Amino acid sequence: MLRMSAALVAAVGALAACSSGGSGSNNATNSGSAAPSSHAVASLAGASTAGASTAAGSPVSGGTLTVDRTADIFTFDPYNTQDDRSIFTEMEIYDRLVQLGLDGKTIEPELATSWTVAPDGLSATFNLRPGVEFSNGAPLTADDVVYSLTRAADQKGSWGFLFSPVKTVTKVSATQIDITMSQPFAPLLPALSTFAASIYPNGSAATIGTAPIGTGAYEVASWQKGSKLTLVKNPHYWQSGKPYLDKVVYNVVGDDNARVLQLESGNADVLDDLPPNQVAPLKQKGMTISQVNGSALIWVILNEAKKPLQDPNVRLALSWAMDRQTIAQDVYSGSATPAKSIMPSSTLYYSATQDPAGYNLATAAQYLKKSSVPNGFTFDVTVPSGDAESLQTAQIWQASLKKIGITLTINQLEATTAQDEYNTEKYTARIAPWTNDTPDPDELMGVALDYQPQNGLHTSFHDDQARNLVTQGRAELDPTKRAAIYAQLQLIANQQQPFIPIVEVPRLYASAPTVKGFFPNTQGKYGFVNTWKTK
């Protein structure tokens, strides 16, 4: 099977043909235009690197996998999705035309078996996999693909910006669709591999948010909002013999210690968001630790609609009062590193030298004196209850801010409530993770520094220079020119601090020794199409 290197995608905007065939590949994951071959992408230290490990024996069919995660999902509709848990679930239920390879550098077939991009970069044709059925037994058609991708490209949607150059998606034949663009689109293929480009039945927008139908490995059996979601094997799944598991049950367990106890007692098989201080103890108890570096960071998101956060000097004062080194060492047990960009370090065109903020209370005080509130002010930050790392981070920050005359109040909210407060822009400041869905910077820079999609990730940050650079970067096919654009964007972010990057963190998961074939991709996204359990 021929595969297009994502380095090629990034370098030439996919202005080449990629054709591939065969019976499919590993579980779909979110993606992005990946890095050139000289650029290091996320490692999988301690994680599986392939589907079913030969050392673990042959896969066994059947059984139930229980996953404990910190909060519930919000929706099954990719058009409105804004949280990782919903994204991960959608990746199990729906497929996309293409998927990001496990190496983070290749774009591989999924519902499309092959594709060709025109030399001018203004159109692309995709050949659909024959014989695919939805979980209700209905055949996948070109009309379904056209409907789903046209909706994905709607600029009113949460992720429409990912497809902003797309003009039309049209049916060429029963097995072929065509995408036309207003300008060359460097991250076209990576964008098509994200959750936002999931494929669902024609005309189903009104129902898929709560009753999804997809062609993925699993379908929804039941959803008890706030507590439990159960997926079962899709009997019509196109990959023969997969998935191996009969059922996947997601339980909401917000407290870190409670999730660890669930794994140790055998009541859970997989944990997401594993606390770093539990890595060594769980390894000693025989658990498998999956670690993905370079795709995630912890940051503070600031709502500039709340005064005085609209003042860049205030935001810089807040940032320079963040003791990143202490947080990395004490809160994350040395597994984290101080963040120097709003882009995680494995992202294409990442730079650590674009005037990053450090920890210096004298500098913080100087920015405060130049601000609209030179004598200080009071504000609050939201952290999810049960999230010990976020709470400790907030407490360290709180102590530093007090020394320069700023009072920080810490609000602990249940994780789903905290997410909803953020989505509806009722928050003031929020400590939260960002995880790349793609190694390409377009997704993060587009949603964060372009003020139209999601109001700049719900920050109300508005900068026309940044917005114009985001648009230029999306259309630029020359890697050297793209690098310069994203360097400038990182500089703007560091000098204005609409987000305060705190630390880069590994994505950590733990699984029981009976779990085989569980492995996150280079962006930390996981799925269970290749996962099985020993008897």
Protein backbone atom coordinates (compact mmCIF):
# COMPACT_ATOMS: atom_id res chain seq x y z
CA MET A 1 0.00 0.00 0.00
CA LEU A 2 1.47 3.33 -1.05
CA ARG A 3 1.28 6.13 1.49
CA MET A 4 1.79 9.86 1.16
CA SER A 5 4.33 11.16 3.61
CA ALA A 6 2.92 14.04 5.62
CA ALA A 7 6.28 15.71 5.10
CA LEU A 8 5.31 15.86 1.46
CA VAL A 9 1.87 17.16 2.41
CA ALA A 10 3.43 19.98 4.41
CA ALA A 11 6.05 20.79 1.81
CA VAL A 12 3.94 20.92 -1.32
CA GLY A 13 0.40 21.26 -0.03
CA ALA A 14 -0.49 17.78 -1.21
CA LEU A 15 0.11 18.78 -4.85
CA ALA A 16 0.81 15.20 -5.80
CA ALA A 17 -1.15 12.06 -6.33
CA CYS A 18 -1.40 9.52 -3.56
CA SER A 19 -2.95 6.21 -4.39
CA SER A 20 -3.30 3.30 -2.08
CA GLY A 21 -5.37 0.23 -1.71
CA GLY A 22 -5.80 -2.78 0.45
CA SER A 23 -8.19 -3.66 3.20
CA GLY A 24 -7.58 -0.70 5.48
CA SER A 25 -5.23 0.05 8.31
CA ASN A 26 -5.11 0.92 11.97
CA ASN A 27 -7.79 2.75 13.91
CA ALA A 28 -8.57 6.28 12.76
CA THR A 29 -7.01 9.10 14.68
CA ASN A 30 -7.14 12.89 14.54
CA SER A 31 -4.51 14.37 12.32
CA GLY A 32 -2.81 17.33 10.82
CA SER A 33 -0.31 18.14 8.15
CA ALA A 34 2.64 16.35 9.62
CA ALA A 35 6.20 17.39 10.03
CA PRO A 36 8.98 17.14 7.50
CA SER A 37 11.17 14.11 7.98
CA SER A 38 13.83 16.15 9.74
CA HIS A 39 11.34 17.31 12.37
CA ALA A 40 10.90 15.13 15.44
CA VAL A 41 7.33 14.19 16.23
CA ALA A 42 5.91 12.82 19.45
CA SER A 43 7.61 9.74 20.79
CA LEU A 44 5.78 6.79 22.25
CA ALA A 45 8.10 6.08 25.14
CA GLY A 46 6.64 3.20 27.07
CA ALA A 47 3.74 2.79 24.66
CA SER A 48 2.89 0.10 22.16
CA THR A 49 3.97 0.98 18.65
CA ALA A 50 1.79 -1.34 16.62
CA GLY A 51 -1.64 -2.91 16.68
CA ALA A 52 -1.74 -6.39 18.10
CA SER A 53 1.69 -7.19 19.45
CA THR A 54 3.04 -10.51 18.28
CA ALA A 55 4.73 -10.91 21.66
CA ALA A 56 1.30 -10.76 23.27
CA GLY A 57 0.00 -13.60 21.11
CA SER A 58 -2.91 -13.71 18.71
CA PRO A 59 -5.85 -11.38 19.32
CA VAL A 60 -8.82 -12.83 21.18
CA SER A 61 -12.33 -11.82 20.25
CA GLY A 62 -14.97 -10.90 22.81
CA GLY A 63 -15.08 -9.27 26.19
CA THR A 64 -15.76 -5.84 27.66
CA LEU A 65 -13.20 -3.08 28.12
CA THR A 66 -13.88 -0.61 30.93
CA VAL A 67 -12.35 2.86 30.60
CA ASP A 68 -12.34 5.39 33.43
CA ARG A 69 -12.12 9.00 32.31
CA THR A 70 -12.36 12.32 34.07
CA ALA A 71 -15.61 13.64 32.61
CA ASP A 72 -18.45 12.79 30.27
CA ILE A 73 -18.79 13.75 26.64
CA PHE A 74 -20.99 16.62 25.45
CA THR A 75 -22.09 15.48 22.02
CA PHE A 76 -21.59 12.95 19.23
CA ASP A 77 -21.84 15.70 16.61
CA PRO A 78 -18.42 16.67 15.19
CA TYR A 79 -19.87 19.99 14.00
CA ASN A 80 -20.24 21.22 17.60
CA THR A 81 -17.58 19.21 19.44
CA GLN A 82 -15.09 21.08 21.63
CA ASP A 83 -13.71 18.55 24.12
CA ASP A 84 -11.29 15.64 23.90
CA ARG A 85 -13.65 13.06 25.36
CA SER A 86 -16.27 13.74 22.70
CA ILE A 87 -13.55 13.70 20.03
CA PHE A 88 -12.16 10.35 21.18
CA THR A 89 -15.63 8.83 21.20
CA GLU A 90 -16.48 10.17 17.76
CA MET A 91 -13.28 8.65 16.41
CA GLU A 92 -14.65 5.23 17.43
CA ILE A 93 -18.10 5.74 15.92
CA TYR A 94 -17.30 7.50 12.65
CA ASP A 95 -14.64 7.06 9.97
CA ARG A 96 -13.08 9.70 7.75
CA LEU A 97 -11.75 9.66 4.20
CA VAL A 98 -8.17 9.44 5.45
CA GLN A 99 -6.34 8.96 8.72
CA LEU A 100 -3.07 9.96 10.32
CA GLY A 101 -0.58 7.12 10.47
CA LEU A 102 0.76 5.98 13.81
CA ASP A 103 4.14 7.46 12.93
CA GLY A 104 2.57 10.92 12.72
CA LYS A 105 4.18 11.45 9.31
CA THR A 106 1.87 9.67 6.90
CA ILE A 107 -1.64 10.11 5.64
CA GLU A 108 -3.27 6.73 5.13
CA PRO A 109 -6.50 5.46 3.55
CA GLU A 110 -9.69 4.99 5.49
CA LEU A 111 -13.01 5.44 3.66
CA ALA A 112 -11.04 6.64 0.64
CA THR A 113 -8.81 4.02 -0.95
CA SER A 114 -6.95 6.51 -3.13
CA TRP A 115 -6.90 10.19 -4.03
CA THR A 116 -5.36 12.64 -6.47
CA VAL A 117 -4.67 16.32 -5.89
CA ALA A 118 -4.50 18.59 -8.93
CA PRO A 119 -1.08 20.14 -9.70
CA ASP A 120 -2.45 23.65 -9.02
CA GLY A 121 -3.75 22.55 -5.61
CA LEU A 122 -7.28 23.76 -6.35
CA SER A 123 -9.04 20.41 -6.48
CA ALA A 124 -8.75 16.87 -5.15
CA THR A 125 -10.55 13.67 -6.13
CA PHE A 126 -11.18 10.77 -3.72
CA ASN A 127 -12.11 7.21 -4.59
CA LEU A 128 -14.40 5.64 -2.00
CA ARG A 129 -13.96 2.22 -0.48
CA PRO A 130 -16.59 -0.17 -1.88
CA GLY A 131 -18.93 -2.22 0.28
CA VAL A 132 -18.85 -0.05 3.39
CA GLU A 133 -22.01 0.01 5.51
CA PHE A 134 -23.20 2.19 8.37
CA SER A 135 -23.91 0.60 11.74
CA ASN A 136 -27.61 0.39 10.80
CA GLY A 137 -26.77 -1.66 7.70
CA ALA A 138 -27.35 1.10 5.17
CA PRO A 139 -24.65 1.38 2.47
CA LEU A 140 -22.22 4.29 2.54
CA THR A 141 -22.78 6.48 -0.54
CA ALA A 142 -21.02 9.37 -2.17
CA ASP A 143 -24.01 11.51 -1.16
CA ASP A 144 -23.27 10.79 2.51
CA VAL A 145 -19.66 11.91 2.06
CA VAL A 146 -20.69 15.08 0.20
CA TYR A 147 -23.24 15.93 2.90
CA SER A 148 -20.83 15.35 5.80
CA LEU A 149 -17.91 17.28 4.31
CA THR A 150 -20.09 20.14 3.10
CA ARG A 151 -21.37 20.47 6.66
CA ALA A 152 -17.83 20.22 8.05
CA ALA A 153 -16.77 23.10 5.80
CA ASP A 154 -19.64 25.32 6.96
CA GLN A 155 -17.90 28.39 8.38
CA LYS A 156 -20.59 28.69 11.05
CA GLY A 157 -19.50 25.40 12.58
CA SER A 158 -17.01 25.08 15.42
CA TRP A 159 -14.33 23.69 13.09
CA GLY A 160 -15.33 25.13 9.72
CA PHE A 161 -12.15 27.19 9.69
CA LEU A 162 -10.18 23.96 9.19
CA PHE A 163 -11.72 23.78 5.72
CA SER A 164 -12.04 27.50 4.92
CA PRO A 165 -10.47 27.22 1.42
CA VAL A 166 -13.00 24.52 0.43
CA LYS A 167 -15.56 25.87 -2.06
CA THR A 168 -17.51 22.76 -3.02
CA VAL A 169 -17.74 19.07 -2.31
CA THR A 170 -19.44 17.28 -5.19
CA LYS A 171 -20.36 13.77 -6.26
CA VAL A 172 -18.52 12.65 -9.39
CA SER A 173 -19.91 9.13 -9.41
CA ALA A 174 -21.24 6.53 -7.00
CA THR A 175 -17.68 5.84 -5.86
CA GLN A 176 -15.94 9.18 -6.32
CA ILE A 177 -16.18 12.69 -4.85
CA ASP A 178 -14.38 15.91 -5.74
CA ILE A 179 -13.32 18.82 -3.52
CA THR A 180 -12.63 22.22 -5.05
CA MET A 181 -10.81 25.06 -3.28
CA SER A 182 -10.51 28.81 -3.59
CA GLN A 183 -6.75 28.68 -3.07
CA PRO A 184 -4.03 26.07 -2.54
CA PHE A 185 -4.63 24.40 0.81
CA ALA A 186 -1.47 23.06 2.45
CA PRO A 187 -3.12 21.01 5.23
CA LEU A 188 -6.03 19.61 3.16
CA LEU A 189 -5.34 15.91 3.77
CA PRO A 190 -4.49 16.31 7.45
CA ALA A 191 -7.66 18.39 7.99
CA LEU A 192 -9.68 15.61 6.36
CA SER A 193 -8.32 13.12 8.88
CA THR A 194 -9.54 15.03 11.93
CA PHE A 195 -12.71 14.21 13.84
CA ALA A 196 -14.28 17.30 12.24
CA ALA A 197 -14.32 15.49 8.87
CA SER A 198 -16.21 12.45 10.16
CA ILE A 199 -18.69 10.84 7.77
CA TYR A 200 -22.31 10.17 8.74
CA PRO A 201 -25.59 9.61 6.84
CA ASN A 202 -26.99 12.22 4.48
CA GLY A 203 -29.47 14.49 6.27
CA SER A 204 -28.76 13.23 9.80
CA ALA A 205 -27.53 16.48 11.38
CA ALA A 206 -30.59 16.82 13.61
CA THR A 207 -30.07 13.44 15.28
CA ILE A 208 -26.39 12.53 15.35
CA GLY A 209 -25.64 14.66 18.41
CA THR A 210 -27.48 12.15 20.59
CA ALA A 211 -28.10 9.15 18.29
CA PRO A 212 -25.06 8.81 16.02
CA ILE A 213 -24.78 6.46 13.06
CA GLY A 214 -21.34 5.87 11.60
CA THR A 215 -19.16 3.36 9.78
CA GLY A 216 -16.64 3.09 12.63
CA ALA A 217 -15.74 0.09 14.73
CA TYR A 218 -18.34 0.76 17.43
CA GLU A 219 -21.87 2.05 17.82
CA VAL A 220 -23.67 3.53 20.83
CA ALA A 221 -25.65 1.11 22.98
CA SER A 222 -26.57 3.49 25.81
CA TRP A 223 -25.62 6.85 27.30
CA GLN A 224 -26.33 7.79 30.90
CA LYS A 225 -25.30 11.41 30.76
CA GLY A 226 -22.78 12.38 33.37
CA SER A 227 -21.90 8.86 34.41
CA LYS A 228 -21.65 6.10 31.79
CA LEU A 229 -21.42 5.56 28.03
CA THR A 230 -21.52 2.11 26.46
CA LEU A 231 -20.35 1.28 22.94
CA VAL A 232 -20.82 -2.10 21.28
CA LYS A 233 -19.21 -3.70 18.25
CA ASN A 234 -20.54 -2.46 14.92
CA PRO A 235 -21.73 -5.68 13.22
CA HIS A 236 -21.35 -4.05 9.79
CA TYR A 237 -17.79 -2.78 10.26
CA TRP A 238 -15.79 -2.97 7.03
CA GLN A 239 -12.52 -4.25 8.54
CA SER A 240 -12.99 -8.01 8.58
CA GLY A 241 -12.65 -9.59 12.03
CA LYS A 242 -12.49 -6.24 13.85
CA PRO A 243 -13.03 -4.89 16.36
CA TYR A 244 -12.09 -7.67 18.74
CA LEU A 245 -13.95 -6.36 21.77
CA ASP A 246 -17.71 -6.82 22.11
CA LYS A 247 -18.17 -3.75 24.25
CA VAL A 248 -16.40 -0.61 25.52
CA VAL A 249 -17.76 1.03 28.67
CA TYR A 250 -16.68 4.56 29.63
CA ASN A 251 -17.23 5.45 33.28
CA VAL A 252 -16.93 9.01 34.55
CA VAL A 253 -14.60 9.07 37.56
CA GLY A 254 -13.48 12.63 38.18
CA ASP A 255 -11.12 12.02 41.07
CA ASP A 256 -7.56 11.00 40.12
CA ASN A 257 -7.02 8.73 43.14
CA ALA A 258 -10.37 7.00 42.64
CA ARG A 259 -9.51 6.17 39.03
CA VAL A 260 -6.18 4.66 40.07
CA LEU A 261 -7.91 2.52 42.72
CA GLN A 262 -10.38 1.34 40.09
CA LEU A 263 -7.53 0.11 37.90
CA GLU A 264 -5.70 -1.55 40.77
CA SER A 265 -8.84 -3.36 41.90
CA GLY A 266 -9.64 -4.64 38.42
CA ASN A 267 -12.81 -2.56 38.08
CA ALA A 268 -11.23 -0.57 35.23
CA ASP A 269 -9.02 -1.72 32.34
CA VAL A 270 -7.78 1.65 31.03
CA LEU A 271 -7.30 5.07 32.62
CA ASP A 272 -7.03 8.33 30.73
CA ASP A 273 -5.28 11.43 32.13
CA LEU A 274 -3.04 9.42 34.42
CA PRO A 275 -1.43 11.58 37.15
CA PRO A 276 2.36 11.67 36.61
CA ASN A 277 3.06 10.71 40.22
CA GLN A 278 1.25 7.41 39.62
CA VAL A 279 3.44 6.26 36.73
CA ALA A 280 6.14 4.57 38.84
CA PRO A 281 3.77 2.96 41.38
CA LEU A 282 1.53 1.52 38.67
CA LYS A 283 4.50 0.22 36.69
CA GLN A 284 5.66 -1.59 39.82
CA LYS A 285 2.24 -3.19 40.07
CA GLY A 286 2.49 -4.54 36.52
CA MET A 287 0.35 -1.98 34.73
CA THR A 288 1.24 -0.79 31.23
CA ILE A 289 1.98 2.91 30.87
CA SER A 290 1.45 4.59 27.51
CA GLN A 291 3.24 7.93 27.18
CA VAL A 292 3.10 10.40 24.30
CA ASN A 293 5.41 13.41 24.41
CA GLY A 294 5.34 16.69 22.53
CA SER A 295 1.67 17.06 21.57
CA ALA A 296 0.12 18.54 24.71
CA LEU A 297 0.55 21.43 27.09
CA ILE A 298 -1.18 22.98 30.06
CA TRP A 299 -2.10 26.62 29.73
CA VAL A 300 -4.25 29.34 31.21
CA ILE A 301 -7.03 30.56 28.93
CA LEU A 302 -8.04 34.16 29.64
CA ASN A 303 -11.44 35.65 28.88
CA GLU A 304 -10.65 39.16 27.65
CA ALA A 305 -14.32 40.10 27.92
CA LYS A 306 -13.66 40.25 31.69
CA LYS A 307 -11.77 43.38 32.71
CA PRO A 308 -8.88 43.97 33.12
CA LEU A 309 -7.83 40.90 31.08
CA GLN A 310 -8.25 42.81 27.82
CA ASP A 311 -5.05 44.71 28.76
CA PRO A 312 -1.95 42.97 27.29
CA ASN A 313 0.22 44.38 30.12
CA VAL A 314 -2.06 42.67 32.63
CA ARG A 315 -1.77 39.39 30.74
CA LEU A 316 2.02 39.70 30.59
CA ALA A 317 2.15 40.39 34.32
CA LEU A 318 0.12 37.24 34.94
CA SER A 319 2.39 35.22 32.67
CA TRP A 320 5.68 36.41 34.16
CA ALA A 321 4.36 35.48 37.60
CA MET A 322 3.96 31.84 36.54
CA ASP A 323 6.70 29.70 38.11
CA ARG A 324 6.87 27.14 35.32
CA GLN A 325 9.98 25.35 36.53
CA THR A 326 8.56 24.68 40.00
CA ILE A 327 5.30 23.49 38.48
CA ALA A 328 7.13 21.17 36.08
CA GLN A 329 9.23 19.67 38.86
CA ASP A 330 6.91 19.61 41.86
CA VAL A 331 3.45 19.24 40.34
CA TYR A 332 4.34 16.94 37.45
CA SER A 333 7.10 14.98 39.17
CA GLY A 334 9.69 16.16 36.65
CA SER A 335 7.80 14.73 33.66
CA ALA A 336 6.81 18.19 32.38
CA THR A 337 8.95 20.99 30.93
CA PRO A 338 8.34 24.76 30.97
CA ALA A 339 6.37 25.78 27.89
CA LYS A 340 7.88 28.37 25.55
CA SER A 341 5.11 28.59 22.97
CA ILE A 342 1.40 28.02 22.70
CA MET A 343 2.36 25.29 20.21
CA PRO A 344 3.42 21.92 21.65
CA SER A 345 7.00 21.11 20.72
CA SER A 346 6.29 18.30 18.23
CA THR A 347 4.16 20.65 16.13
CA LEU A 348 5.51 21.49 12.72
CA TYR A 349 7.37 24.85 12.81
CA TYR A 350 7.53 24.98 16.60
CA SER A 351 10.00 27.53 17.95
CA ALA A 352 11.23 27.99 21.52
CA THR A 353 12.94 31.31 20.75
CA GLN A 354 10.04 33.67 19.97
CA ASP A 355 10.39 35.84 23.11
CA PRO A 356 8.80 33.38 25.56
CA ALA A 357 7.80 34.54 29.03
CA GLY A 358 9.79 33.26 31.99
CA TYR A 359 9.34 33.52 35.73
CA ASN A 360 10.44 36.88 37.10
CA LEU A 361 8.35 38.73 39.65
CA ALA A 362 10.20 42.01 39.06
CA THR A 363 9.31 41.84 35.37
CA ALA A 364 5.74 40.89 36.26
CA ALA A 365 5.51 43.90 38.58
CA GLN A 366 6.81 46.20 35.85
CA TYR A 367 4.11 45.06 33.44
CA LEU A 368 1.49 45.53 36.13
CA LYS A 369 2.66 49.10 36.78
CA LYS A 370 2.28 49.87 33.06
CA SER A 371 -1.22 48.40 33.00
CA SER A 372 -4.68 49.82 33.56
CA VAL A 373 -4.63 48.43 37.13
CA PRO A 374 -1.18 49.37 38.47
CA ASN A 375 -2.18 48.70 42.08
CA GLY A 376 -3.40 45.20 41.40
CA PHE A 377 -6.80 43.54 41.06
CA THR A 378 -8.75 40.41 41.96
CA PHE A 379 -9.83 37.67 39.56
CA ASP A 380 -10.71 33.99 39.61
CA VAL A 381 -9.47 30.88 37.85
CA THR A 382 -11.44 27.68 37.26
CA VAL A 383 -9.90 24.23 37.75
CA PRO A 384 -11.69 20.87 37.49
CA SER A 385 -12.46 19.33 40.87
CA GLY A 386 -10.41 16.21 41.51
CA ASP A 387 -7.63 17.44 39.21
CA ALA A 388 -4.76 17.64 41.68
CA GLU A 389 -2.23 18.94 39.16
CA SER A 390 -4.39 21.87 38.04
CA LEU A 391 -5.19 22.76 41.63
CA GLN A 392 -1.52 22.71 42.68
CA THR A 393 -0.59 24.76 39.61
CA ALA A 394 -3.20 27.36 40.53
CA GLN A 395 -1.96 27.47 44.12
CA ILE A 396 1.65 28.08 43.07
CA TRP A 397 0.50 30.81 40.71
CA GLN A 398 -1.73 32.28 43.41
CA ALA A 399 1.19 32.60 45.83
CA SER A 400 3.37 34.35 43.24
CA LEU A 401 0.62 36.76 42.17
CA LYS A 402 0.02 37.76 45.77
CA LYS A 403 3.60 39.07 45.95
CA ILE A 404 2.90 41.64 43.22
CA GLY A 405 -0.51 42.71 44.49
CA ILE A 406 -2.83 40.48 42.47
CA THR A 407 -5.39 38.35 44.31
CA LEU A 408 -6.36 35.06 42.66
CA THR A 409 -9.43 33.09 43.75
CA ILE A 410 -9.47 29.40 42.81
CA ASN A 411 -12.83 27.91 41.81
CA GLN A 412 -13.05 24.11 41.66
CA LEU A 413 -15.86 22.87 39.44
CA GLU A 414 -16.88 19.41 38.29
CA ALA A 415 -15.10 18.84 34.97
CA THR A 416 -18.18 18.80 32.74
CA THR A 417 -19.54 21.92 34.44
CA ALA A 418 -16.18 23.65 34.03
CA GLN A 419 -16.18 22.78 30.32
CA ASP A 420 -19.70 24.10 29.89
CA GLU A 421 -18.81 27.34 31.68
CA TYR A 422 -15.92 27.73 29.28
CA ASN A 423 -17.94 26.85 26.17
CA THR A 424 -20.52 29.49 27.08
CA GLU A 425 -17.80 32.04 27.93
CA LYS A 426 -18.96 32.55 31.51
CA TYR A 427 -15.48 31.89 32.90
CA THR A 428 -12.77 34.44 33.75
CA ALA A 429 -9.64 32.30 33.55
CA ARG A 430 -9.25 28.56 33.15
CA ILE A 431 -6.38 26.12 33.62
CA ALA A 432 -6.79 23.44 30.98
CA PRO A 433 -4.87 21.19 28.61
CA TRP A 434 -4.47 21.62 24.88
CA THR A 435 -3.73 18.53 22.81
CA ASN A 436 -3.00 18.71 19.10
CA ASP A 437 -5.33 16.84 16.81
CA THR A 438 -2.75 17.35 14.10
CA PRO A 439 1.01 18.00 13.98
CA ASP A 440 0.28 20.88 11.60
CA PRO A 441 0.02 24.30 13.32
CA ASP A 442 -3.02 25.37 11.28
CA GLU A 443 -5.59 23.90 13.67
CA LEU A 444 -4.20 25.48 16.84
CA MET A 445 -3.29 28.83 15.31
CA GLY A 446 -6.57 28.96 13.40
CA VAL A 447 -8.78 28.37 16.40
CA ALA A 448 -6.69 30.35 18.90
CA LEU A 449 -5.41 33.39 17.02
CA ASP A 450 -8.13 33.89 14.42
CA TYR A 451 -10.93 35.68 16.24
CA GLN A 452 -13.75 34.24 14.16
CA PRO A 453 -13.73 30.53 14.99
CA GLN A 454 -14.96 30.01 18.54
CA ASN A 455 -14.19 33.66 19.33
CA GLY A 456 -10.47 32.87 19.55
CA LEU A 457 -11.06 29.72 21.66
CA HIS A 458 -13.52 31.71 23.76
CA THR A 459 -10.93 34.34 24.72
CA SER A 460 -12.28 37.34 22.76
CA PHE A 461 -8.69 37.87 21.58
CA HIS A 462 -8.78 40.06 18.45
CA ASP A 463 -5.68 40.81 16.38
CA ASP A 464 -5.95 41.44 12.65
CA GLN A 465 -2.25 40.81 11.99
CA ALA A 466 -2.51 37.38 13.60
CA ARG A 467 -5.66 36.56 11.66
CA ASN A 468 -4.05 37.51 8.35
CA LEU A 469 -0.97 35.42 9.13
CA VAL A 470 -3.15 32.40 9.93
CA THR A 471 -4.78 32.72 6.52
CA GLN A 472 -1.39 33.09 4.81
CA GLY A 473 0.03 30.05 6.57
CA ARG A 474 -2.89 27.90 5.46
CA ALA A 475 -2.32 28.79 1.81
CA GLU A 476 1.48 28.79 1.73
CA LEU A 477 3.06 25.74 0.08
CA ASP A 478 6.70 26.65 0.64
CA PRO A 479 7.91 25.12 3.95
CA THR A 480 10.49 27.87 4.53
CA LYS A 481 7.88 30.58 4.11
CA ARG A 482 5.43 28.67 6.27
CA ALA A 483 8.05 28.42 9.03
CA ALA A 484 8.51 32.19 8.99
CA ILE A 485 4.77 32.76 9.24
CA TYR A 486 4.37 30.47 12.23
CA ALA A 487 7.41 31.95 13.93
CA GLN A 488 5.70 35.35 13.70
CA LEU A 489 2.46 33.93 15.07
CA GLN A 490 4.27 32.40 18.03
CA LEU A 491 5.95 35.76 18.65
CA ILE A 492 2.57 37.54 18.67
CA ALA A 493 1.19 34.97 21.10
CA ASN A 494 4.17 35.33 23.45
CA GLN A 495 4.12 39.12 23.36
CA GLN A 496 0.38 39.42 23.93
CA GLN A 497 -0.36 36.27 25.98
CA PRO A 498 -4.02 35.62 25.13
CA PHE A 499 -3.10 32.20 26.50
CA ILE A 500 -0.47 31.67 29.17
CA PRO A 501 1.48 28.50 28.30
CA ILE A 502 2.58 26.81 31.52
CA VAL A 503 4.19 23.42 30.91
CA GLU A 504 4.45 20.79 28.22
CA VAL A 505 3.13 17.50 29.55
CA PRO A 506 3.16 13.94 28.27
CA ARG A 507 -0.18 12.32 27.53
CA LEU A 508 -0.28 9.45 30.01
CA TYR A 509 -2.52 6.40 30.05
CA ALA A 510 -2.45 3.26 32.14
CA SER A 511 -3.87 -0.13 31.24
CA ALA A 512 -4.14 -3.48 32.95
CA PRO A 513 -1.76 -6.28 31.86
CA THR A 514 -4.72 -8.12 30.34
CA VAL A 515 -5.22 -5.32 27.81
CA LYS A 516 -3.40 -5.80 24.50
CA GLY A 517 -3.16 -3.66 21.38
CA PHE A 518 -3.97 -0.40 23.15
CA PHE A 519 -1.76 2.42 21.95
CA PRO A 520 -2.24 6.15 21.42
CA ASN A 521 -0.98 7.79 18.26
CA THR A 522 1.61 10.56 18.13
CA GLN A 523 -1.02 13.15 19.12
CA GLY A 524 -2.13 11.13 22.14
CA LYS A 525 -5.40 10.02 20.57
CA TYR A 526 -6.49 6.49 21.30
CA GLY A 527 -8.99 4.03 19.86
CA PHE A 528 -9.94 0.43 20.41
CA VAL A 529 -10.34 -1.15 16.98
CA ASN A 530 -7.14 -3.17 17.53
CA THR A 531 -7.52 -3.67 21.28
CA TRP A 532 -8.28 -7.02 22.88
CA LYS A 533 -8.15 -8.67 26.29
CA THR A 534 -6.56 -11.89 27.35
CA LYS A 535 -8.85 -14.37 29.00
